[in-house]
C-alpha atoms as a PDB file:
ATOM      1  CA  MET A   1     -20.802-100.897 229.526  1.00  0.00           C
ATOM      2  CA  THR A   2     -23.370 -98.600 228.004  1.00  0.00           C
ATOM      3  CA  ASP A   3     -25.982-100.141 225.690  1.00  0.00           C
ATOM      4  CA  THR A   4     -26.053 -98.137 222.458  1.00  0.00           C
ATOM      5  CA  VAL A   5     -29.312 -99.681 221.187  1.00  0.00           C
ATOM      6  CA  ASP A   6     -32.213 -97.273 221.384  1.00  0.00           C
ATOM      7  CA  LYS A   7     -34.941 -98.781 223.542  1.00  0.00           C
ATOM      8  CA  THR A   8     -37.391 -95.848 223.247  1.00  0.00           C
ATOM      9  CA  PRO A   9     -40.870 -97.198 222.759  1.00  0.00           C
ATOM     10  CA  GLY A  10     -41.952 -96.996 219.245  1.00  0.00           C
ATOM     11  CA  SER A  11     -38.434 -96.963 217.821  1.00  0.00           C
ATOM     12  CA  SER A  12     -37.320 -99.803 215.595  1.00  0.00           C
ATOM     13  CA  VAL A  13     -33.766-100.876 214.955  1.00  0.00           C
ATOM     14  CA  PRO A  14     -33.235-102.904 211.712  1.00  0.00           C
ATOM     15  CA  PRO A  15     -31.335-106.122 212.330  1.00  0.00           C
ATOM     16  CA  GLU A  16     -27.801-106.443 211.007  1.00  0.00           C
ATOM     17  CA  GLN A  17     -27.458-108.138 207.675  1.00  0.00           C
ATOM     18  CA  ILE A  18     -26.384-111.742 208.042  1.00  0.00           C
ATOM     19  CA  LYS A  19     -23.022-112.377 206.409  1.00  0.00           C
ATOM     20  CA  ALA A  20     -22.787-116.024 205.264  1.00  0.00           C
ATOM     21  CA  ILE A  21     -19.237-117.241 205.290  1.00  0.00           C
ATOM     22  CA  PRO A  22     -18.737-120.397 203.171  1.00  0.00           C
ATOM     23  CA  VAL A  23     -17.064-123.334 204.834  1.00  0.00           C
ATOM     24  CA  ARG A  24     -13.595-124.005 203.575  1.00  0.00           C
ATOM     25  CA  HIS A  25     -13.187-127.452 202.020  1.00  0.00           C
ATOM     26  CA  TYR A  26      -9.520-128.296 202.366  1.00  0.00           C
ATOM     27  CA  GLY A  27     -10.216-131.842 201.124  1.00  0.00           C
ATOM     28  CA  ARG A  28     -10.986-130.416 197.701  1.00  0.00           C
ATOM     29  CA  TRP A  29      -7.599-128.718 197.532  1.00  0.00           C
ATOM     30  CA  VAL A  30      -5.870-131.968 198.566  1.00  0.00           C
ATOM     31  CA  ALA A  31      -7.817-133.988 196.061  1.00  0.00           C
ATOM     32  CA  GLY A  32      -7.096-131.494 193.285  1.00  0.00           C
ATOM     33  CA  VAL A  33      -3.374-131.449 194.040  1.00  0.00           C
ATOM     34  CA  LEU A  34      -3.239-135.228 194.026  1.00  0.00           C
ATOM     35  CA  VAL A  35      -5.038-135.478 190.665  1.00  0.00           C
ATOM     36  CA  ILE A  36      -2.701-132.885 189.156  1.00  0.00           C
ATOM     37  CA  VAL A  37       0.361-134.759 190.457  1.00  0.00           C
ATOM     38  CA  VAL A  38      -0.884-138.054 189.042  1.00  0.00           C
ATOM     39  CA  MET A  39      -1.706-136.500 185.709  1.00  0.00           C
ATOM     40  CA  ALA A  40       1.774-134.881 185.600  1.00  0.00           C
ATOM     41  CA  LEU A  41       3.393-138.242 186.247  1.00  0.00           C
ATOM     42  CA  ILE A  42       1.448-139.872 183.455  1.00  0.00           C
ATOM     43  CA  VAL A  43       2.367-137.075 181.069  1.00  0.00           C
ATOM     44  CA  LEU A  44       6.005-137.273 182.058  1.00  0.00           C
ATOM     45  CA  ALA A  45       6.057-141.061 181.600  1.00  0.00           C
ATOM     46  CA  PHE A  46       4.602-140.820 178.043  1.00  0.00           C
ATOM     47  CA  SER A  47       6.884-137.917 177.148  1.00  0.00           C
ATOM     48  CA  ASN A  48       9.915-140.024 177.962  1.00  0.00           C
ATOM     49  CA  ALA A  49       8.501-143.141 176.268  1.00  0.00           C
ATOM     50  CA  ASN A  50       9.872-144.466 172.981  1.00  0.00           C
ATOM     51  CA  ILE A  51       7.141-142.946 170.897  1.00  0.00           C
ATOM     52  CA  ASN A  52       7.658-140.784 167.834  1.00  0.00           C
ATOM     53  CA  TYR A  53       4.987-138.178 168.412  1.00  0.00           C
ATOM     54  CA  ASP A  54       6.078-136.144 165.391  1.00  0.00           C
ATOM     55  CA  ILE A  55       4.615-138.506 162.834  1.00  0.00           C
ATOM     56  CA  ILE A  56       1.148-138.723 164.484  1.00  0.00           C
ATOM     57  CA  PRO A  57      -0.189-135.440 163.012  1.00  0.00           C
ATOM     58  CA  ASP A  58       1.040-136.475 159.545  1.00  0.00           C
ATOM     59  CA  TYR A  59      -0.801-139.811 159.621  1.00  0.00           C
ATOM     60  CA  LEU A  60      -4.026-138.253 160.974  1.00  0.00           C
ATOM     61  CA  THR A  61      -4.842-137.044 157.429  1.00  0.00           C
ATOM     62  CA  ASP A  62      -3.265-139.959 155.628  1.00  0.00           C
ATOM     63  CA  SER A  63      -5.467-141.242 152.808  1.00  0.00           C
ATOM     64  CA  THR A  64      -5.499-144.808 154.173  1.00  0.00           C
ATOM     65  CA  ILE A  65      -6.513-143.610 157.598  1.00  0.00           C
ATOM     66  CA  LEU A  66      -9.225-141.363 156.245  1.00  0.00           C
ATOM     67  CA  SER A  67     -10.587-144.179 154.190  1.00  0.00           C
ATOM     68  CA  GLY A  68     -10.691-146.355 157.267  1.00  0.00           C
ATOM     69  CA  VAL A  69     -12.475-143.645 159.247  1.00  0.00           C
ATOM     70  CA  TRP A  70     -15.035-143.246 156.486  1.00  0.00           C
ATOM     71  CA  HIS A  71     -15.696-146.987 156.452  1.00  0.00           C
ATOM     72  CA  THR A  72     -16.012-147.015 160.263  1.00  0.00           C
ATOM     73  CA  LEU A  73     -18.627-144.289 160.107  1.00  0.00           C
ATOM     74  CA  TYR A  74     -20.394-145.916 157.147  1.00  0.00           C
ATOM     75  CA  ILE A  75     -20.669-149.401 158.699  1.00  0.00           C
ATOM     76  CA  SER A  76     -21.634-147.980 162.063  1.00  0.00           C
ATOM     77  CA  VAL A  77     -24.520-145.961 160.604  1.00  0.00           C
ATOM     78  CA  LEU A  78     -25.823-148.802 158.490  1.00  0.00           C
ATOM     79  CA  ALA A  79     -25.493-151.387 161.279  1.00  0.00           C
ATOM     80  CA  MET A  80     -27.285-149.015 163.680  1.00  0.00           C
ATOM     81  CA  VAL A  81     -30.158-148.433 161.185  1.00  0.00           C
ATOM     82  CA  LEU A  82     -30.459-152.219 160.680  1.00  0.00           C
ATOM     83  CA  GLY A  83     -30.433-152.791 164.429  1.00  0.00           C
ATOM     84  CA  LEU A  84     -32.996-150.035 165.073  1.00  0.00           C
ATOM     85  CA  VAL A  85     -35.466-151.288 162.464  1.00  0.00           C
ATOM     86  CA  LEU A  86     -35.155-154.922 163.558  1.00  0.00           C
ATOM     87  CA  GLY A  87     -35.250-153.797 167.220  1.00  0.00           C
ATOM     88  CA  VAL A  88     -38.618-152.113 166.807  1.00  0.00           C
ATOM     89  CA  ILE A  89     -39.968-155.185 165.049  1.00  0.00           C
ATOM     90  CA  LEU A  90     -38.615-157.506 167.750  1.00  0.00           C
ATOM     91  CA  ALA A  91     -39.973-155.324 170.531  1.00  0.00           C
ATOM     92  CA  VAL A  92     -43.490-155.392 169.055  1.00  0.00           C
ATOM     93  CA  MET A  93     -43.199-159.117 168.566  1.00  0.00           C
ATOM     94  CA  ARG A  94     -42.003-159.545 172.163  1.00  0.00           C
ATOM     95  CA  MET A  95     -44.995-157.615 173.516  1.00  0.00           C
ATOM     96  CA  SER A  96     -47.473-159.379 171.263  1.00  0.00           C
ATOM     97  CA  SER A  97     -50.086-161.688 172.716  1.00  0.00           C
ATOM     98  CA  ASN A  98     -49.209-164.215 170.013  1.00  0.00           C
ATOM     99  CA  PRO A  99     -47.135-166.902 171.770  1.00  0.00           C
ATOM    100  CA  VAL A 100     -45.277-167.857 168.549  1.00  0.00           C
ATOM    101  CA  THR A 101     -44.052-164.339 167.745  1.00  0.00           C
ATOM    102  CA  SER A 102     -43.187-163.456 171.381  1.00  0.00           C
ATOM    103  CA  THR A 103     -41.249-166.707 171.807  1.00  0.00           C
ATOM    104  CA  VAL A 104     -39.287-166.218 168.497  1.00  0.00           C
ATOM    105  CA  SER A 105     -38.423-162.677 169.639  1.00  0.00           C
ATOM    106  CA  TRP A 106     -37.268-163.857 173.026  1.00  0.00           C
ATOM    107  CA  LEU A 107     -35.101-166.585 171.480  1.00  0.00           C
ATOM    108  CA  TYR A 108     -33.547-164.136 169.094  1.00  0.00           C
ATOM    109  CA  ILE A 109     -32.652-161.724 171.938  1.00  0.00           C
ATOM    110  CA  TRP A 110     -31.419-164.633 174.096  1.00  0.00           C
ATOM    111  CA  PHE A 111     -29.035-165.937 171.370  1.00  0.00           C
ATOM    112  CA  PHE A 112     -27.580-162.646 170.128  1.00  0.00           C
ATOM    113  CA  ARG A 113     -27.132-161.083 173.555  1.00  0.00           C
ATOM    114  CA  GLY A 114     -25.567-164.332 174.840  1.00  0.00           C
ATOM    115  CA  THR A 115     -22.867-164.782 172.224  1.00  0.00           C
ATOM    116  CA  PRO A 116     -19.862-162.458 171.630  1.00  0.00           C
ATOM    117  CA  VAL A 117     -19.952-160.051 168.713  1.00  0.00           C
ATOM    118  CA  LEU A 118     -16.616-161.308 167.473  1.00  0.00           C
ATOM    119  CA  VAL A 119     -17.930-164.890 167.252  1.00  0.00           C
ATOM    120  CA  GLN A 120     -20.946-163.682 165.250  1.00  0.00           C
ATOM    121  CA  LEU A 121     -18.680-161.785 162.841  1.00  0.00           C
ATOM    122  CA  LEU A 122     -16.494-164.789 162.259  1.00  0.00           C
ATOM    123  CA  LEU A 123     -19.464-167.112 161.796  1.00  0.00           C
ATOM    124  CA  TRP A 124     -20.878-164.818 159.040  1.00  0.00           C
ATOM    125  CA  TYR A 125     -17.448-164.449 157.439  1.00  0.00           C
ATOM    126  CA  ASN A 126     -16.944-168.245 157.373  1.00  0.00           C
ATOM    127  CA  ILE A 127     -20.473-169.236 156.496  1.00  0.00           C
ATOM    128  CA  ALA A 128     -19.281-170.497 153.108  1.00  0.00           C
ATOM    129  CA  LEU A 129     -17.781-173.517 155.013  1.00  0.00           C
ATOM    130  CA  VAL A 130     -21.348-174.479 155.937  1.00  0.00           C
ATOM    131  CA  PHE A 131     -23.249-173.278 152.863  1.00  0.00           C
ATOM    132  CA  PRO A 132     -20.879-173.237 149.893  1.00  0.00           C
ATOM    133  CA  VAL A 133     -23.625-172.131 147.467  1.00  0.00           C
ATOM    134  CA  LEU A 134     -26.345-169.582 148.062  1.00  0.00           C
ATOM    135  CA  ASN A 135     -29.506-170.745 146.276  1.00  0.00           C
ATOM    136  CA  LEU A 136     -32.650-168.611 146.723  1.00  0.00           C
ATOM    137  CA  GLY A 137     -34.424-170.036 143.702  1.00  0.00           C
ATOM    138  CA  PHE A 138     -34.344-166.736 141.745  1.00  0.00           C
ATOM    139  CA  TYR A 139     -30.649-166.140 142.652  1.00  0.00           C
ATOM    140  CA  LYS A 140     -27.730-168.542 142.851  1.00  0.00           C
ATOM    141  CA  ASP A 141     -24.068-167.796 143.484  1.00  0.00           C
ATOM    142  CA  GLU A 142     -21.016-168.946 145.382  1.00  0.00           C
ATOM    143  CA  MET A 143     -21.256-167.965 149.032  1.00  0.00           C
ATOM    144  CA  ASN A 144     -17.689-166.685 148.962  1.00  0.00           C
ATOM    145  CA  GLN A 145     -18.744-164.133 146.324  1.00  0.00           C
ATOM    146  CA  VAL A 146     -21.861-163.094 148.318  1.00  0.00           C
ATOM    147  CA  MET A 147     -20.482-162.943 151.808  1.00  0.00           C
ATOM    148  CA  THR A 148     -18.010-160.036 151.402  1.00  0.00           C
ATOM    149  CA  PRO A 149     -16.229-158.498 154.421  1.00  0.00           C
ATOM    150  CA  PHE A 150     -18.645-155.607 154.245  1.00  0.00           C
ATOM    151  CA  LEU A 151     -21.760-157.892 154.331  1.00  0.00           C
ATOM    152  CA  ALA A 152     -20.210-159.976 157.096  1.00  0.00           C
ATOM    153  CA  ALA A 153     -19.553-156.846 159.168  1.00  0.00           C
ATOM    154  CA  LEU A 154     -23.013-155.444 158.528  1.00  0.00           C
ATOM    155  CA  LEU A 155     -24.854-158.605 159.487  1.00  0.00           C
ATOM    156  CA  GLY A 156     -22.648-159.373 162.495  1.00  0.00           C
ATOM    157  CA  LEU A 157     -22.936-155.841 163.947  1.00  0.00           C
ATOM    158  CA  GLY A 158     -26.477-155.083 162.859  1.00  0.00           C
ATOM    159  CA  LEU A 159     -28.136-158.315 163.967  1.00  0.00           C
ATOM    160  CA  ASN A 160     -26.344-158.143 167.303  1.00  0.00           C
ATOM    161  CA  GLU A 161     -27.437-154.527 167.846  1.00  0.00           C
ATOM    162  CA  ALA A 162     -31.055-155.439 167.088  1.00  0.00           C
ATOM    163  CA  ALA A 163     -31.177-157.602 170.247  1.00  0.00           C
ATOM    164  CA  TYR A 164     -30.194-154.655 172.437  1.00  0.00           C
ATOM    165  CA  MET A 165     -32.294-152.139 170.604  1.00  0.00           C
ATOM    166  CA  SER A 166     -35.386-154.277 171.014  1.00  0.00           C
ATOM    167  CA  GLU A 167     -35.067-154.158 174.792  1.00  0.00           C
ATOM    168  CA  ILE A 168     -34.527-150.364 174.662  1.00  0.00           C
ATOM    169  CA  VAL A 169     -37.592-149.911 172.466  1.00  0.00           C
ATOM    170  CA  ARG A 170     -39.668-152.210 174.651  1.00  0.00           C
ATOM    171  CA  ALA A 171     -38.702-150.282 177.777  1.00  0.00           C
ATOM    172  CA  GLY A 172     -39.729-147.052 176.028  1.00  0.00           C
ATOM    173  CA  ILE A 173     -43.075-148.428 174.890  1.00  0.00           C
ATOM    174  CA  GLN A 174     -43.856-149.775 178.345  1.00  0.00           C
ATOM    175  CA  SER A 175     -42.959-146.361 179.907  1.00  0.00           C
ATOM    176  CA  VAL A 176     -46.101-144.854 178.225  1.00  0.00           C
ATOM    177  CA  ASP A 177     -49.215-145.043 180.388  1.00  0.00           C
ATOM    178  CA  LEU A 178     -51.628-147.742 179.357  1.00  0.00           C
ATOM    179  CA  GLY A 179     -54.403-145.141 179.411  1.00  0.00           C
ATOM    180  CA  GLN A 180     -52.913-143.556 176.263  1.00  0.00           C
ATOM    181  CA  THR A 181     -53.496-146.817 174.379  1.00  0.00           C
ATOM    182  CA  GLU A 182     -57.040-147.181 175.717  1.00  0.00           C
ATOM    183  CA  ALA A 183     -57.896-143.598 174.775  1.00  0.00           C
ATOM    184  CA  SER A 184     -56.566-144.139 171.280  1.00  0.00           C
ATOM    185  CA  HIS A 185     -58.624-147.239 170.809  1.00  0.00           C
ATOM    186  CA  ALA A 186     -61.679-145.423 172.126  1.00  0.00           C
ATOM    187  CA  LEU A 187     -61.138-142.887 169.344  1.00  0.00           C
ATOM    188  CA  GLY A 188     -61.193-145.689 166.814  1.00  0.00           C
ATOM    189  CA  MET A 189     -57.460-145.908 166.080  1.00  0.00           C
ATOM    190  CA  THR A 190     -56.021-149.303 165.097  1.00  0.00           C
ATOM    191  CA  GLN A 191     -53.213-150.936 167.008  1.00  0.00           C
ATOM    192  CA  GLY A 192     -50.654-149.941 164.319  1.00  0.00           C
ATOM    193  CA  LYS A 193     -51.873-146.353 164.180  1.00  0.00           C
ATOM    194  CA  THR A 194     -51.801-146.124 167.961  1.00  0.00           C
ATOM    195  CA  LEU A 195     -48.203-147.389 168.048  1.00  0.00           C
ATOM    196  CA  ARG A 196     -47.060-144.939 165.295  1.00  0.00           C
ATOM    197  CA  ARG A 197     -48.906-141.784 166.353  1.00  0.00           C
ATOM    198  CA  VAL A 198     -49.355-142.048 170.095  1.00  0.00           C
ATOM    199  CA  ILE A 199     -47.009-144.545 171.771  1.00  0.00           C
ATOM    200  CA  LEU A 200     -43.724-144.180 169.888  1.00  0.00           C
ATOM    201  CA  PRO A 201     -43.630-140.328 169.950  1.00  0.00           C
ATOM    202  CA  GLN A 202     -43.988-140.397 173.744  1.00  0.00           C
ATOM    203  CA  ALA A 203     -41.628-143.309 174.173  1.00  0.00           C
ATOM    204  CA  MET A 204     -38.846-141.459 172.315  1.00  0.00           C
ATOM    205  CA  ARG A 205     -37.962-139.561 175.461  1.00  0.00           C
ATOM    206  CA  VAL A 206     -36.942-142.898 177.034  1.00  0.00           C
ATOM    207  CA  ILE A 207     -35.565-144.458 173.829  1.00  0.00           C
ATOM    208  CA  VAL A 208     -33.292-141.663 172.653  1.00  0.00           C
ATOM    209  CA  PRO A 209     -30.645-141.527 175.479  1.00  0.00           C
ATOM    210  CA  PRO A 210     -29.706-145.258 175.434  1.00  0.00           C
ATOM    211  CA  THR A 211     -29.965-145.325 171.628  1.00  0.00           C
ATOM    212  CA  GLY A 212     -27.396-142.561 171.461  1.00  0.00           C
ATOM    213  CA  ASN A 213     -25.138-144.491 173.791  1.00  0.00           C
ATOM    214  CA  GLU A 214     -25.565-147.569 171.628  1.00  0.00           C
ATOM    215  CA  PHE A 215     -24.481-145.685 168.532  1.00  0.00           C
ATOM    216  CA  ILE A 216     -21.420-144.305 170.216  1.00  0.00           C
ATOM    217  CA  ASN A 217     -20.669-147.855 171.382  1.00  0.00           C
ATOM    218  CA  MET A 218     -21.234-149.072 167.852  1.00  0.00           C
ATOM    219  CA  LEU A 219     -18.557-146.662 166.575  1.00  0.00           C
ATOM    220  CA  LYS A 220     -16.022-148.467 168.771  1.00  0.00           C
ATOM    221  CA  THR A 221     -17.452-151.984 168.371  1.00  0.00           C
ATOM    222  CA  SER A 222     -17.042-151.633 164.618  1.00  0.00           C
ATOM    223  CA  SER A 223     -13.269-152.038 165.177  1.00  0.00           C
ATOM    224  CA  LEU A 224     -14.046-155.771 165.599  1.00  0.00           C
ATOM    225  CA  ALA A 225     -14.773-155.841 161.872  1.00  0.00           C
ATOM    226  CA  TYR A 226     -10.954-155.888 161.460  1.00  0.00           C
ATOM    227  CA  ALA A 227     -11.238-159.674 162.161  1.00  0.00           C
ATOM    228  CA  VAL A 228     -13.274-160.210 158.925  1.00  0.00           C
ATOM    229  CA  GLN A 229     -10.860-158.003 156.875  1.00  0.00           C
ATOM    230  CA  PHE A 230     -13.216-155.079 156.592  1.00  0.00           C
ATOM    231  CA  ASN A 231     -11.211-151.936 155.869  1.00  0.00           C
ATOM    232  CA  GLU A 232     -12.125-149.833 158.936  1.00  0.00           C
ATOM    233  CA  THR A 233      -9.923-147.597 161.057  1.00  0.00           C
ATOM    234  CA  ILE A 234      -8.047-150.282 162.975  1.00  0.00           C
ATOM    235  CA  LYS A 235      -7.224-152.302 159.858  1.00  0.00           C
ATOM    236  CA  ALA A 236      -6.016-149.164 158.086  1.00  0.00           C
ATOM    237  CA  ALA A 237      -3.814-148.310 161.040  1.00  0.00           C
ATOM    238  CA  THR A 238      -2.494-151.873 161.207  1.00  0.00           C
ATOM    239  CA  ASP A 239      -1.729-151.915 157.461  1.00  0.00           C
ATOM    240  CA  ILE A 240       0.353-148.728 157.814  1.00  0.00           C
ATOM    241  CA  SER A 241       2.143-149.988 160.889  1.00  0.00           C
ATOM    242  CA  SER A 242       3.152-153.255 159.089  1.00  0.00           C
ATOM    243  CA  THR A 243       5.210-151.172 156.670  1.00  0.00           C
ATOM    244  CA  SER A 244       6.285-148.177 158.746  1.00  0.00           C
ATOM    245  CA  LEU A 245       6.836-150.209 161.963  1.00  0.00           C
ATOM    246  CA  ALA A 246       5.132-147.371 163.857  1.00  0.00           C
ATOM    247  CA  VAL A 247       2.793-149.717 165.703  1.00  0.00           C
ATOM    248  CA  VAL A 248       1.982-147.648 168.819  1.00  0.00           C
ATOM    249  CA  GLU A 249       1.876-144.391 166.873  1.00  0.00           C
ATOM    250  CA  MET A 250      -0.765-145.812 164.535  1.00  0.00           C
ATOM    251  CA  TYR A 251      -2.857-146.931 167.488  1.00  0.00           C
ATOM    252  CA  PHE A 252      -2.652-143.393 168.795  1.00  0.00           C
ATOM    253  CA  VAL A 253      -3.855-142.104 165.444  1.00  0.00           C
ATOM    254  CA  ALA A 254      -6.795-144.528 165.457  1.00  0.00           C
ATOM    255  CA  SER A 255      -7.630-143.582 169.044  1.00  0.00           C
ATOM    256  CA  ILE A 256      -7.652-139.857 168.185  1.00  0.00           C
ATOM    257  CA  TRP A 257     -10.086-140.447 165.333  1.00  0.00           C
ATOM    258  CA  TYR A 258     -12.350-142.538 167.540  1.00  0.00           C
ATOM    259  CA  LEU A 259     -12.331-139.712 170.167  1.00  0.00           C
ATOM    260  CA  ILE A 260     -13.231-137.200 167.514  1.00  0.00           C
ATOM    261  CA  LEU A 261     -16.137-139.287 166.171  1.00  0.00           C
ATOM    262  CA  THR A 262     -17.512-140.112 169.585  1.00  0.00           C
ATOM    263  CA  SER A 263     -17.232-136.538 170.755  1.00  0.00           C
ATOM    264  CA  ILE A 264     -19.090-135.191 167.705  1.00  0.00           C
ATOM    265  CA  PHE A 265     -21.932-137.634 168.028  1.00  0.00           C
ATOM    266  CA  SER A 266     -22.082-137.096 171.843  1.00  0.00           C
ATOM    267  CA  VAL A 267     -22.937-133.409 171.178  1.00  0.00           C
ATOM    268  CA  PHE A 268     -25.679-134.515 168.674  1.00  0.00           C
ATOM    269  CA  GLN A 269     -27.012-136.986 171.234  1.00  0.00           C
ATOM    270  CA  TYR A 270     -27.128-134.322 174.011  1.00  0.00           C
ATOM    271  CA  TYR A 271     -29.155-131.816 171.972  1.00  0.00           C
ATOM    272  CA  LEU A 272     -31.471-134.592 170.678  1.00  0.00           C
ATOM    273  CA  GLU A 273     -32.133-135.594 174.278  1.00  0.00           C
ATOM    274  CA  ARG A 274     -32.736-131.976 175.179  1.00  0.00           C
ATOM    275  CA  ARG A 275     -35.309-131.694 172.403  1.00  0.00           C
ATOM    276  CA  TYR A 276     -37.354-134.662 173.562  1.00  0.00           C
ATOM    277  CA  ALA A 277     -37.073-133.504 177.217  1.00  0.00           C
ATOM    278  CA  ARG A 278     -39.105-130.403 176.424  1.00  0.00           C
ATOM    279  CA  GLY A 279     -42.425-132.004 177.113  1.00  0.00           C
ATOM    280  CA  SER A 280     -41.486-133.681 180.377  1.00  0.00           C
ATOM    281  CA  SER A 281     -39.456-131.033 182.164  1.00  0.00           C
ATOM    282  CA  ARG A 282     -40.342-127.463 183.164  1.00  0.00           C
ATOM    283  CA  THR A 283     -36.726-126.371 182.936  1.00  0.00           C
ATOM    284  CA  LEU A 284     -34.377-127.811 180.363  1.00  0.00           C
ATOM    285  CA  PRO A 285     -30.974-129.108 181.608  1.00  0.00           C
ATOM    286  CA  PRO A 286     -28.067-126.670 181.205  1.00  0.00           C
ATOM    287  CA  THR A 287     -26.010-126.866 178.043  1.00  0.00           C
ATOM    288  CA  PRO A 288     -22.400-128.061 178.194  1.00  0.00           C
ATOM    289  CA  LEU A 289     -21.183-124.485 177.929  1.00  0.00           C
ATOM    290  CA  GLN A 290     -23.403-123.416 180.810  1.00  0.00           C
ATOM    291  CA  ARG A 291     -22.194-126.299 182.908  1.00  0.00           C
ATOM    292  CA  LEU A 292     -18.567-125.501 182.088  1.00  0.00           C
ATOM    293  CA  ARG A 293     -19.010-121.891 183.187  1.00  0.00           C
ATOM    294  CA  LYS A 294     -20.655-123.022 186.446  1.00  0.00           C
ATOM    295  CA  ASN A 295     -17.950-125.556 187.191  1.00  0.00           C
ATOM    296  CA  LEU A 296     -15.267-122.963 186.530  1.00  0.00           C
ATOM    297  CA  ARG A 297     -16.938-120.638 189.024  1.00  0.00           C
ATOM    298  CA  LEU A 298     -17.224-123.427 191.581  1.00  0.00           C
ATOM    299  CA  PHE A 299     -13.597-124.427 191.027  1.00  0.00           C
ATOM    300  CA  GLY A 300     -12.442-120.872 191.502  1.00  0.00           C
ATOM    301  CA  SER A 301     -14.298-120.368 194.722  1.00  0.00           C
ATOM    302  CA  PHE A 302     -14.322-123.925 196.098  1.00  0.00           C
ATOM    303  CA  ARG A 303     -17.807-123.304 197.484  1.00  0.00           C
ATOM    304  CA  ARG A 304     -20.783-125.534 197.741  1.00  0.00           C
ATOM    305  CA  PRO A 305     -23.082-125.339 194.634  1.00  0.00           C
ATOM    306  CA  GLU A 306     -25.952-124.047 196.740  1.00  0.00           C
ATOM    307  CA  VAL A 307     -24.037-121.073 198.176  1.00  0.00           C
ATOM    308  CA  ALA A 308     -22.116-120.199 195.002  1.00  0.00           C
ATOM    309  CA  ARG A 309     -23.204-117.005 193.303  1.00  0.00           C
END
């Protein structure tokens, strides 16, 4: 066999271009087919179930449901604000060198994290059994008139959230290098000014992601306020189902609204995290749309991410 490669001295033959052939991943095809089959079986089961799907779109915009959704959003925002403010205070108290304030903060966190939210709501709602009259010296009234379902829900959810937020804030503060505090004190800043202008702005990168998760969780946890007769989404759906007898359908309506709310705030959370990540990352993480396009390309080619083009 004659060699066709020119071996004349001084001649150079460029090497052939390497053609990378991606490895076929049959397991991905099998897993994809199995997932599709399971999803199809679930859809088939619910399509044959005794559920009147036709009334669900009508009740999505029912005035009672919309009122419940508004109250869910309202109580969630207020409880989260209360929890965030108290959480910052508790975190500072917990990290204080004063043994009294640090111990009080630890006891608060221990109690509210150790007892169920539902129990706390019921305790606030029935506090008139313990203190029939509220007497503050400058204000006196029957406790039944003061402790409304709204106030019981706000205190139960907000005070419980403060215990979790204090640990999140404390973790964020401790993530900032101690040298930042020492440098601020060397410049003559007080402890409070250092916390406000140096520590907290840098700690936000660590605080924001779990805080967003806590708020999304708060949207769902607020459904427990149904137990204290607060007119949120679940109570609105239950009130309608008691007269229309469409029990499961109303739970579907409530679930759809919870999915809508959590999806909207998840988008806000993502872009807020992206904003605070600008100072700590050279390249920002891809947006959901960019990730979707990438996943669609990978799904179409079934290639490894590193060889996909």
